[in-house]
Amino acid sequence: MRISDIIEKFIKNLLDDTDGFIEIQRNELADYFNCVPSQINYVISTRFGPDQGYYVESRRGGGGCIRIRKINMTKSNYLMHIIANMGDRISSNEVNIFVNNFINYNIINDKEARLLKAATSDNVLTISPDSKDKIRANIFKNMLLNLVED
């Protein structure tokens, strides 16, 4: 296992043991794993974002406190959370990352994943590059809204 994987697993275990909320010191965690604090930042920024179901608050200085809260959501709440935080542009690669996360978290099935990817692919959006990511975001959000259950 890579150090990033070990740190991720450690943080997830802490979250499981504390009902989904932890407050950690960046430097203390770096010392524990004998790594640099930027390694902790990397793990948190790449594996604990809203698209993975986490809310992170980070304070710099004095050792750097990091608060991580696991967002326990229903399928509909999770999709609405993604829609609300997505922004007005999205690349094809970003859609693929979201869709793969949706599959991993059992939010959508394989057929829905294929449809989301197909409808937002560069093969379909044969328009100017300036407009492509904006239109892709509108299509993706609309499709996700249609997956939201009442």
N, C-alpha and C. Protein backbone atom coordinates (compact mmCIF):
# COMPACT_ATOMS: atom_id res chain seq x y z
N MET A 1 0.83 -1.19 0.00
CA MET A 1 0.00 0.00 0.00
C MET A 1 0.88 1.25 0.00
N ARG A 2 0.44 2.25 -0.73
CA ARG A 2 1.14 3.54 -0.73
C ARG A 2 0.76 4.31 0.53
N ILE A 3 1.61 5.25 0.90
CA ILE A 3 1.37 6.04 2.11
C ILE A 3 0.04 6.79 2.01
N SER A 4 -0.31 7.26 0.81
CA SER A 4 -1.59 7.96 0.64
C SER A 4 -2.77 7.05 0.96
N ASP A 5 -2.69 5.80 0.52
CA ASP A 5 -3.76 4.83 0.80
C ASP A 5 -3.86 4.54 2.30
N ILE A 6 -2.70 4.45 2.96
CA ILE A 6 -2.68 4.17 4.39
C ILE A 6 -3.28 5.33 5.18
N ILE A 7 -2.91 6.55 4.80
CA ILE A 7 -3.46 7.73 5.47
C ILE A 7 -4.97 7.81 5.26
N GLU A 8 -5.43 7.57 4.03
CA GLU A 8 -6.86 7.59 3.74
C GLU A 8 -7.60 6.57 4.61
N LYS A 9 -7.08 5.36 4.67
CA LYS A 9 -7.73 4.31 5.45
C LYS A 9 -7.77 4.69 6.94
N PHE A 10 -6.69 5.25 7.44
CA PHE A 10 -6.62 5.69 8.84
C PHE A 10 -7.69 6.74 9.14
N ILE A 11 -7.80 7.74 8.26
CA ILE A 11 -8.79 8.81 8.47
C ILE A 11 -10.20 8.25 8.39
N LYS A 12 -10.46 7.36 7.44
CA LYS A 12 -11.80 6.76 7.32
C LYS A 12 -12.14 5.93 8.55
N ASN A 13 -11.16 5.23 9.11
CA ASN A 13 -11.39 4.47 10.34
C ASN A 13 -11.71 5.41 11.51
N LEU A 14 -10.99 6.53 11.58
CA LEU A 14 -11.30 7.53 12.62
C LEU A 14 -12.73 8.05 12.47
N LEU A 15 -13.12 8.33 11.23
CA LEU A 15 -14.48 8.82 10.98
C LEU A 15 -15.52 7.78 11.39
N ASP A 16 -15.25 6.52 11.09
CA ASP A 16 -16.19 5.45 11.47
C ASP A 16 -16.30 5.33 12.99
N ASP A 17 -15.19 5.54 13.69
CA ASP A 17 -15.17 5.41 15.15
C ASP A 17 -15.79 6.60 15.86
N THR A 18 -15.96 7.72 15.16
CA THR A 18 -16.45 8.94 15.81
C THR A 18 -17.75 9.45 15.18
N ASP A 19 -18.55 8.59 14.66
CA ASP A 19 -19.84 8.94 14.07
C ASP A 19 -19.74 9.98 12.95
N GLY A 20 -18.64 9.93 12.19
CA GLY A 20 -18.55 10.74 10.98
C GLY A 20 -18.02 12.14 11.13
N PHE A 21 -17.37 12.47 12.26
CA PHE A 21 -16.77 13.80 12.40
C PHE A 21 -15.45 13.69 13.15
N ILE A 22 -14.40 14.28 12.58
CA ILE A 22 -13.11 14.33 13.28
C ILE A 22 -12.50 15.72 13.13
N GLU A 23 -11.64 16.03 14.07
CA GLU A 23 -10.83 17.24 14.00
C GLU A 23 -9.41 16.78 14.28
N ILE A 24 -8.53 16.99 13.31
CA ILE A 24 -7.16 16.51 13.43
C ILE A 24 -6.18 17.65 13.20
N GLN A 25 -5.00 17.47 13.70
CA GLN A 25 -3.91 18.42 13.49
C GLN A 25 -3.04 17.88 12.35
N ARG A 26 -2.85 18.69 11.35
CA ARG A 26 -2.08 18.30 10.16
C ARG A 26 -0.67 17.83 10.54
N ASN A 27 0.02 18.61 11.37
CA ASN A 27 1.40 18.26 11.74
C ASN A 27 1.47 16.99 12.57
N GLU A 28 0.53 16.81 13.49
CA GLU A 28 0.51 15.59 14.31
C GLU A 28 0.31 14.35 13.44
N LEU A 29 -0.60 14.45 12.48
CA LEU A 29 -0.84 13.33 11.58
C LEU A 29 0.38 13.06 10.71
N ALA A 30 1.03 14.11 10.25
CA ALA A 30 2.25 13.95 9.45
C ALA A 30 3.34 13.28 10.28
N ASP A 31 3.48 13.69 11.53
CA ASP A 31 4.47 13.05 12.42
C ASP A 31 4.14 11.58 12.63
N TYR A 32 2.87 11.27 12.83
CA TYR A 32 2.44 9.90 13.06
C TYR A 32 2.83 9.00 11.89
N PHE A 33 2.67 9.53 10.66
CA PHE A 33 2.98 8.74 9.46
C PHE A 33 4.38 9.00 8.92
N ASN A 34 5.14 9.82 9.63
CA ASN A 34 6.50 10.14 9.23
C ASN A 34 6.55 10.64 7.77
N CYS A 35 5.71 11.64 7.52
CA CYS A 35 5.65 12.23 6.19
C CYS A 35 5.55 13.75 6.34
N VAL A 36 5.57 14.44 5.24
CA VAL A 36 5.46 15.90 5.27
C VAL A 36 3.98 16.29 5.34
N PRO A 37 3.66 17.44 5.96
CA PRO A 37 2.26 17.88 6.05
C PRO A 37 1.57 18.01 4.69
N SER A 38 2.34 18.32 3.65
CA SER A 38 1.71 18.44 2.33
C SER A 38 1.16 17.10 1.85
N GLN A 39 1.71 15.99 2.33
CA GLN A 39 1.17 14.67 1.99
C GLN A 39 -0.23 14.50 2.59
N ILE A 40 -0.42 15.01 3.79
CA ILE A 40 -1.74 14.99 4.44
C ILE A 40 -2.70 15.85 3.63
N ASN A 41 -2.26 17.04 3.24
CA ASN A 41 -3.09 17.93 2.41
C ASN A 41 -3.51 17.23 1.12
N TYR A 42 -2.56 16.54 0.48
CA TYR A 42 -2.85 15.84 -0.77
C TYR A 42 -3.95 14.79 -0.58
N VAL A 43 -3.81 13.98 0.45
CA VAL A 43 -4.80 12.92 0.70
C VAL A 43 -6.18 13.53 0.95
N ILE A 44 -6.22 14.56 1.76
CA ILE A 44 -7.51 15.18 2.10
C ILE A 44 -8.13 15.84 0.88
N SER A 45 -7.34 16.54 0.09
CA SER A 45 -7.90 17.26 -1.06
C SER A 45 -8.33 16.31 -2.18
N THR A 46 -7.70 15.16 -2.30
CA THR A 46 -8.05 14.25 -3.40
C THR A 46 -9.02 13.14 -3.01
N ARG A 47 -9.16 12.87 -1.72
CA ARG A 47 -9.98 11.71 -1.32
C ARG A 47 -11.10 12.03 -0.34
N PHE A 48 -11.21 13.30 0.04
CA PHE A 48 -12.23 13.68 1.02
C PHE A 48 -12.97 14.94 0.60
N GLY A 49 -13.37 15.02 -0.65
CA GLY A 49 -14.12 16.17 -1.15
C GLY A 49 -15.61 15.92 -1.14
N PRO A 50 -16.38 16.91 -1.55
CA PRO A 50 -17.84 16.76 -1.59
C PRO A 50 -18.30 15.63 -2.52
N ASP A 51 -17.57 15.43 -3.62
CA ASP A 51 -17.97 14.37 -4.55
C ASP A 51 -17.73 12.98 -3.97
N GLN A 52 -16.92 12.88 -2.92
CA GLN A 52 -16.72 11.60 -2.23
C GLN A 52 -17.59 11.49 -0.98
N GLY A 53 -18.38 12.53 -0.70
CA GLY A 53 -19.29 12.48 0.44
C GLY A 53 -18.73 13.05 1.73
N TYR A 54 -17.81 14.01 1.62
CA TYR A 54 -17.20 14.61 2.81
C TYR A 54 -17.24 16.13 2.72
N TYR A 55 -17.33 16.75 3.89
CA TYR A 55 -17.20 18.20 4.00
C TYR A 55 -15.93 18.45 4.79
N VAL A 56 -15.02 19.25 4.23
CA VAL A 56 -13.73 19.50 4.88
C VAL A 56 -13.59 20.99 5.14
N GLU A 57 -13.17 21.32 6.36
CA GLU A 57 -12.86 22.68 6.74
C GLU A 57 -11.42 22.67 7.24
N SER A 58 -10.61 23.54 6.67
CA SER A 58 -9.19 23.55 7.01
C SER A 58 -8.77 24.92 7.49
N ARG A 59 -8.02 24.95 8.59
CA ARG A 59 -7.46 26.20 9.09
C ARG A 59 -5.95 26.09 9.07
N ARG A 60 -5.32 27.09 8.52
CA ARG A 60 -3.86 27.14 8.44
C ARG A 60 -3.29 27.75 9.72
N GLY A 61 -2.02 27.51 9.93
CA GLY A 61 -1.31 28.13 11.05
C GLY A 61 -1.48 27.35 12.34
N GLY A 62 -0.48 27.40 13.19
CA GLY A 62 -0.55 26.74 14.49
C GLY A 62 -0.71 25.25 14.38
N GLY A 63 -0.16 24.64 13.37
CA GLY A 63 -0.27 23.19 13.21
C GLY A 63 -1.34 22.78 12.23
N GLY A 64 -2.22 23.68 11.89
CA GLY A 64 -3.21 23.40 10.87
C GLY A 64 -4.28 22.41 11.29
N CYS A 65 -5.37 22.90 11.78
CA CYS A 65 -6.50 22.06 12.18
C CYS A 65 -7.35 21.72 10.95
N ILE A 66 -7.74 20.48 10.86
CA ILE A 66 -8.60 20.04 9.76
C ILE A 66 -9.82 19.35 10.36
N ARG A 67 -10.99 19.79 9.95
CA ARG A 67 -12.24 19.15 10.37
C ARG A 67 -12.82 18.43 9.16
N ILE A 68 -13.16 17.17 9.36
CA ILE A 68 -13.75 16.38 8.28
C ILE A 68 -15.06 15.81 8.79
N ARG A 69 -16.11 16.01 8.01
CA ARG A 69 -17.43 15.47 8.35
C ARG A 69 -17.92 14.61 7.19
N LYS A 70 -18.28 13.39 7.52
CA LYS A 70 -18.86 12.51 6.50
C LYS A 70 -20.31 12.90 6.32
N ILE A 71 -20.68 13.11 5.07
CA ILE A 71 -22.04 13.51 4.75
C ILE A 71 -22.87 12.24 4.56
N ASN A 72 -23.74 11.98 5.50
CA ASN A 72 -24.61 10.81 5.40
C ASN A 72 -25.89 11.23 4.69
N MET A 73 -25.98 10.84 3.46
CA MET A 73 -27.09 11.31 2.64
C MET A 73 -27.82 10.16 1.96
N THR A 74 -29.04 10.44 1.65
CA THR A 74 -29.78 9.54 0.80
C THR A 74 -29.31 9.75 -0.63
N LYS A 75 -29.71 8.90 -1.53
CA LYS A 75 -29.35 9.04 -2.94
C LYS A 75 -29.76 10.42 -3.45
N SER A 76 -30.95 10.83 -3.17
CA SER A 76 -31.46 12.11 -3.66
C SER A 76 -30.69 13.29 -3.07
N ASN A 77 -30.46 13.25 -1.77
CA ASN A 77 -29.70 14.33 -1.13
C ASN A 77 -28.28 14.40 -1.68
N TYR A 78 -27.68 13.24 -1.90
CA TYR A 78 -26.33 13.20 -2.43
C TYR A 78 -26.28 13.83 -3.82
N LEU A 79 -27.21 13.45 -4.68
CA LEU A 79 -27.25 14.01 -6.03
C LEU A 79 -27.50 15.51 -6.00
N MET A 80 -28.40 15.97 -5.13
CA MET A 80 -28.67 17.40 -5.02
C MET A 80 -27.44 18.15 -4.50
N HIS A 81 -26.72 17.53 -3.60
CA HIS A 81 -25.48 18.13 -3.09
C HIS A 81 -24.47 18.31 -4.23
N ILE A 82 -24.34 17.31 -5.06
CA ILE A 82 -23.41 17.40 -6.21
C ILE A 82 -23.87 18.48 -7.18
N ILE A 83 -25.14 18.50 -7.49
CA ILE A 83 -25.68 19.50 -8.43
C ILE A 83 -25.42 20.91 -7.91
N ALA A 84 -25.68 21.12 -6.63
CA ALA A 84 -25.53 22.45 -6.03
C ALA A 84 -24.08 22.92 -5.98
N ASN A 85 -23.14 21.98 -5.91
CA ASN A 85 -21.73 22.34 -5.76
C ASN A 85 -20.91 22.19 -7.03
N MET A 86 -21.54 21.84 -8.12
CA MET A 86 -20.80 21.52 -9.34
C MET A 86 -20.23 22.74 -10.07
N GLY A 87 -20.92 23.82 -10.08
CA GLY A 87 -20.47 24.95 -10.87
C GLY A 87 -21.15 24.95 -12.23
N ASP A 88 -20.77 25.90 -13.09
CA ASP A 88 -21.46 26.02 -14.37
C ASP A 88 -20.69 25.42 -15.54
N ARG A 89 -19.56 24.79 -15.27
CA ARG A 89 -18.77 24.12 -16.31
C ARG A 89 -18.25 22.80 -15.77
N ILE A 90 -18.15 21.81 -16.66
CA ILE A 90 -17.58 20.52 -16.26
C ILE A 90 -16.98 19.85 -17.50
N SER A 91 -15.83 19.24 -17.32
CA SER A 91 -15.18 18.54 -18.43
C SER A 91 -15.69 17.10 -18.53
N SER A 92 -15.40 16.48 -19.63
CA SER A 92 -15.78 15.08 -19.82
C SER A 92 -15.09 14.20 -18.78
N ASN A 93 -13.84 14.48 -18.50
CA ASN A 93 -13.10 13.72 -17.50
C ASN A 93 -13.73 13.87 -16.11
N GLU A 94 -14.15 15.07 -15.75
CA GLU A 94 -14.79 15.30 -14.45
C GLU A 94 -16.11 14.55 -14.36
N VAL A 95 -16.88 14.52 -15.45
CA VAL A 95 -18.12 13.74 -15.46
C VAL A 95 -17.81 12.28 -15.20
N ASN A 96 -16.78 11.76 -15.86
CA ASN A 96 -16.41 10.36 -15.67
C ASN A 96 -16.02 10.07 -14.22
N ILE A 97 -15.34 11.00 -13.58
CA ILE A 97 -14.96 10.82 -12.17
C ILE A 97 -16.22 10.79 -11.30
N PHE A 98 -17.13 11.74 -11.51
CA PHE A 98 -18.38 11.75 -10.75
C PHE A 98 -19.14 10.44 -10.95
N VAL A 99 -19.29 10.04 -12.20
CA VAL A 99 -20.08 8.83 -12.51
C VAL A 99 -19.43 7.60 -11.87
N ASN A 100 -18.12 7.49 -11.94
CA ASN A 100 -17.45 6.35 -11.29
C ASN A 100 -17.66 6.37 -9.79
N ASN A 101 -17.63 7.56 -9.18
CA ASN A 101 -17.93 7.65 -7.75
C ASN A 101 -19.37 7.26 -7.46
N PHE A 102 -20.30 7.68 -8.31
CA PHE A 102 -21.71 7.31 -8.13
C PHE A 102 -21.87 5.79 -8.14
N ILE A 103 -21.17 5.13 -9.04
CA ILE A 103 -21.25 3.66 -9.11
C ILE A 103 -20.65 3.06 -7.84
N ASN A 104 -19.49 3.55 -7.43
CA ASN A 104 -18.83 3.02 -6.23
C ASN A 104 -19.68 3.18 -4.98
N TYR A 105 -20.47 4.26 -4.91
CA TYR A 105 -21.33 4.51 -3.75
C TYR A 105 -22.75 3.99 -3.96
N ASN A 106 -22.96 3.21 -5.00
CA ASN A 106 -24.27 2.61 -5.31
C ASN A 106 -25.37 3.66 -5.45
N ILE A 107 -25.04 4.80 -6.02
CA ILE A 107 -26.01 5.85 -6.26
C ILE A 107 -26.75 5.59 -7.57
N ILE A 108 -26.01 5.08 -8.55
CA ILE A 108 -26.59 4.74 -9.85
C ILE A 108 -26.14 3.34 -10.25
N ASN A 109 -26.83 2.79 -11.25
CA ASN A 109 -26.44 1.47 -11.75
C ASN A 109 -25.59 1.63 -13.02
N ASP A 110 -25.11 0.53 -13.55
CA ASP A 110 -24.23 0.57 -14.73
C ASP A 110 -24.91 1.16 -15.96
N LYS A 111 -26.18 0.86 -16.14
CA LYS A 111 -26.91 1.39 -17.30
C LYS A 111 -27.03 2.91 -17.21
N GLU A 112 -27.38 3.41 -16.03
CA GLU A 112 -27.47 4.87 -15.83
C GLU A 112 -26.11 5.52 -16.04
N ALA A 113 -25.06 4.86 -15.60
CA ALA A 113 -23.71 5.39 -15.77
C ALA A 113 -23.36 5.51 -17.25
N ARG A 114 -23.65 4.49 -18.01
CA ARG A 114 -23.37 4.53 -19.46
C ARG A 114 -24.14 5.66 -20.13
N LEU A 115 -25.40 5.86 -19.74
CA LEU A 115 -26.21 6.93 -20.33
C LEU A 115 -25.67 8.31 -19.96
N LEU A 116 -25.28 8.50 -18.71
CA LEU A 116 -24.70 9.78 -18.28
C LEU A 116 -23.43 10.09 -19.07
N LYS A 117 -22.57 9.09 -19.20
CA LYS A 117 -21.31 9.29 -19.92
C LYS A 117 -21.56 9.54 -21.41
N ALA A 118 -22.48 8.80 -21.99
CA ALA A 118 -22.76 8.95 -23.42
C ALA A 118 -23.34 10.32 -23.75
N ALA A 119 -24.26 10.78 -22.93
CA ALA A 119 -24.93 12.06 -23.19
C ALA A 119 -24.01 13.26 -23.00
N THR A 120 -22.94 13.08 -22.25
CA THR A 120 -22.05 14.21 -21.96
C THR A 120 -20.67 14.07 -22.58
N SER A 121 -20.51 13.09 -23.45
CA SER A 121 -19.18 12.86 -24.04
C SER A 121 -18.85 13.89 -25.10
N ASP A 122 -17.57 14.03 -25.38
CA ASP A 122 -17.12 14.94 -26.43
C ASP A 122 -17.61 14.50 -27.80
N ASN A 123 -17.92 13.22 -27.98
CA ASN A 123 -18.44 12.71 -29.26
C ASN A 123 -19.80 13.31 -29.57
N VAL A 124 -20.58 13.60 -28.55
CA VAL A 124 -21.92 14.14 -28.72
C VAL A 124 -21.89 15.67 -28.82
N LEU A 125 -21.05 16.27 -28.02
CA LEU A 125 -20.98 17.73 -27.95
C LEU A 125 -20.00 18.26 -29.00
N THR A 126 -20.42 18.24 -30.23
CA THR A 126 -19.58 18.71 -31.33
C THR A 126 -19.84 20.18 -31.59
N ILE A 127 -19.51 20.98 -30.60
CA ILE A 127 -19.71 22.42 -30.66
C ILE A 127 -18.38 23.09 -30.31
N SER A 128 -18.37 24.39 -30.32
CA SER A 128 -17.13 25.11 -30.04
C SER A 128 -16.62 24.77 -28.64
N PRO A 129 -15.31 24.66 -28.50
CA PRO A 129 -14.73 24.32 -27.19
C PRO A 129 -15.12 25.32 -26.09
N ASP A 130 -15.38 26.56 -26.46
CA ASP A 130 -15.75 27.56 -25.46
C ASP A 130 -17.09 27.25 -24.79
N SER A 131 -17.99 26.63 -25.52
CA SER A 131 -19.33 26.34 -25.02
C SER A 131 -19.49 24.93 -24.48
N LYS A 132 -18.60 24.05 -24.88
CA LYS A 132 -18.75 22.62 -24.61
C LYS A 132 -18.92 22.29 -23.13
N ASP A 133 -18.03 22.78 -22.26
CA ASP A 133 -18.09 22.41 -20.85
C ASP A 133 -19.29 23.02 -20.13
N LYS A 134 -19.74 24.17 -20.60
CA LYS A 134 -20.92 24.80 -20.01
C LYS A 134 -22.19 24.02 -20.38
N ILE A 135 -22.32 23.64 -21.63
CA ILE A 135 -23.49 22.86 -22.06
C ILE A 135 -23.46 21.48 -21.42
N ARG A 136 -22.26 20.89 -21.32
CA ARG A 136 -22.12 19.57 -20.68
C ARG A 136 -22.61 19.64 -19.23
N ALA A 137 -22.27 20.72 -18.52
CA ALA A 137 -22.71 20.88 -17.12
C ALA A 137 -24.23 20.96 -17.05
N ASN A 138 -24.84 21.70 -17.97
CA ASN A 138 -26.32 21.80 -17.98
C ASN A 138 -26.96 20.45 -18.24
N ILE A 139 -26.42 19.71 -19.19
CA ILE A 139 -26.97 18.38 -19.51
C ILE A 139 -26.81 17.45 -18.31
N PHE A 140 -25.61 17.43 -17.74
CA PHE A 140 -25.32 16.54 -16.62
C PHE A 140 -26.21 16.85 -15.42
N LYS A 141 -26.35 18.14 -15.08
CA LYS A 141 -27.21 18.52 -13.96
C LYS A 141 -28.65 18.11 -14.21
N ASN A 142 -29.13 18.33 -15.42
CA ASN A 142 -30.52 17.97 -15.75
C ASN A 142 -30.73 16.46 -15.64
N MET A 143 -29.76 15.69 -16.12
CA MET A 143 -29.88 14.23 -16.02
C MET A 143 -29.86 13.79 -14.55
N LEU A 144 -28.99 14.41 -13.75
CA LEU A 144 -28.95 14.05 -12.33
C LEU A 144 -30.25 14.42 -11.63
N LEU A 145 -30.82 15.57 -11.99
CA LEU A 145 -32.11 15.95 -11.41
C LEU A 145 -33.18 14.90 -11.69
N ASN A 146 -33.11 14.30 -12.86
CA ASN A 146 -34.09 13.27 -13.21
C ASN A 146 -33.85 11.95 -12.48
N LEU A 147 -32.68 11.81 -11.86
CA LEU A 147 -32.41 10.61 -11.06
C LEU A 147 -32.82 10.80 -9.60
N VAL A 148 -33.10 12.04 -9.23
CA VAL A 148 -33.51 12.34 -7.85
C VAL A 148 -34.90 11.75 -7.63
N GLU A 149 -35.01 11.04 -6.52
CA GLU A 149 -36.30 10.42 -6.18
C GLU A 149 -37.03 11.31 -5.19
N ASP A 150 -38.33 11.34 -5.29
CA ASP A 150 -39.14 12.17 -4.37
C ASP A 150 -39.08 11.65 -2.95
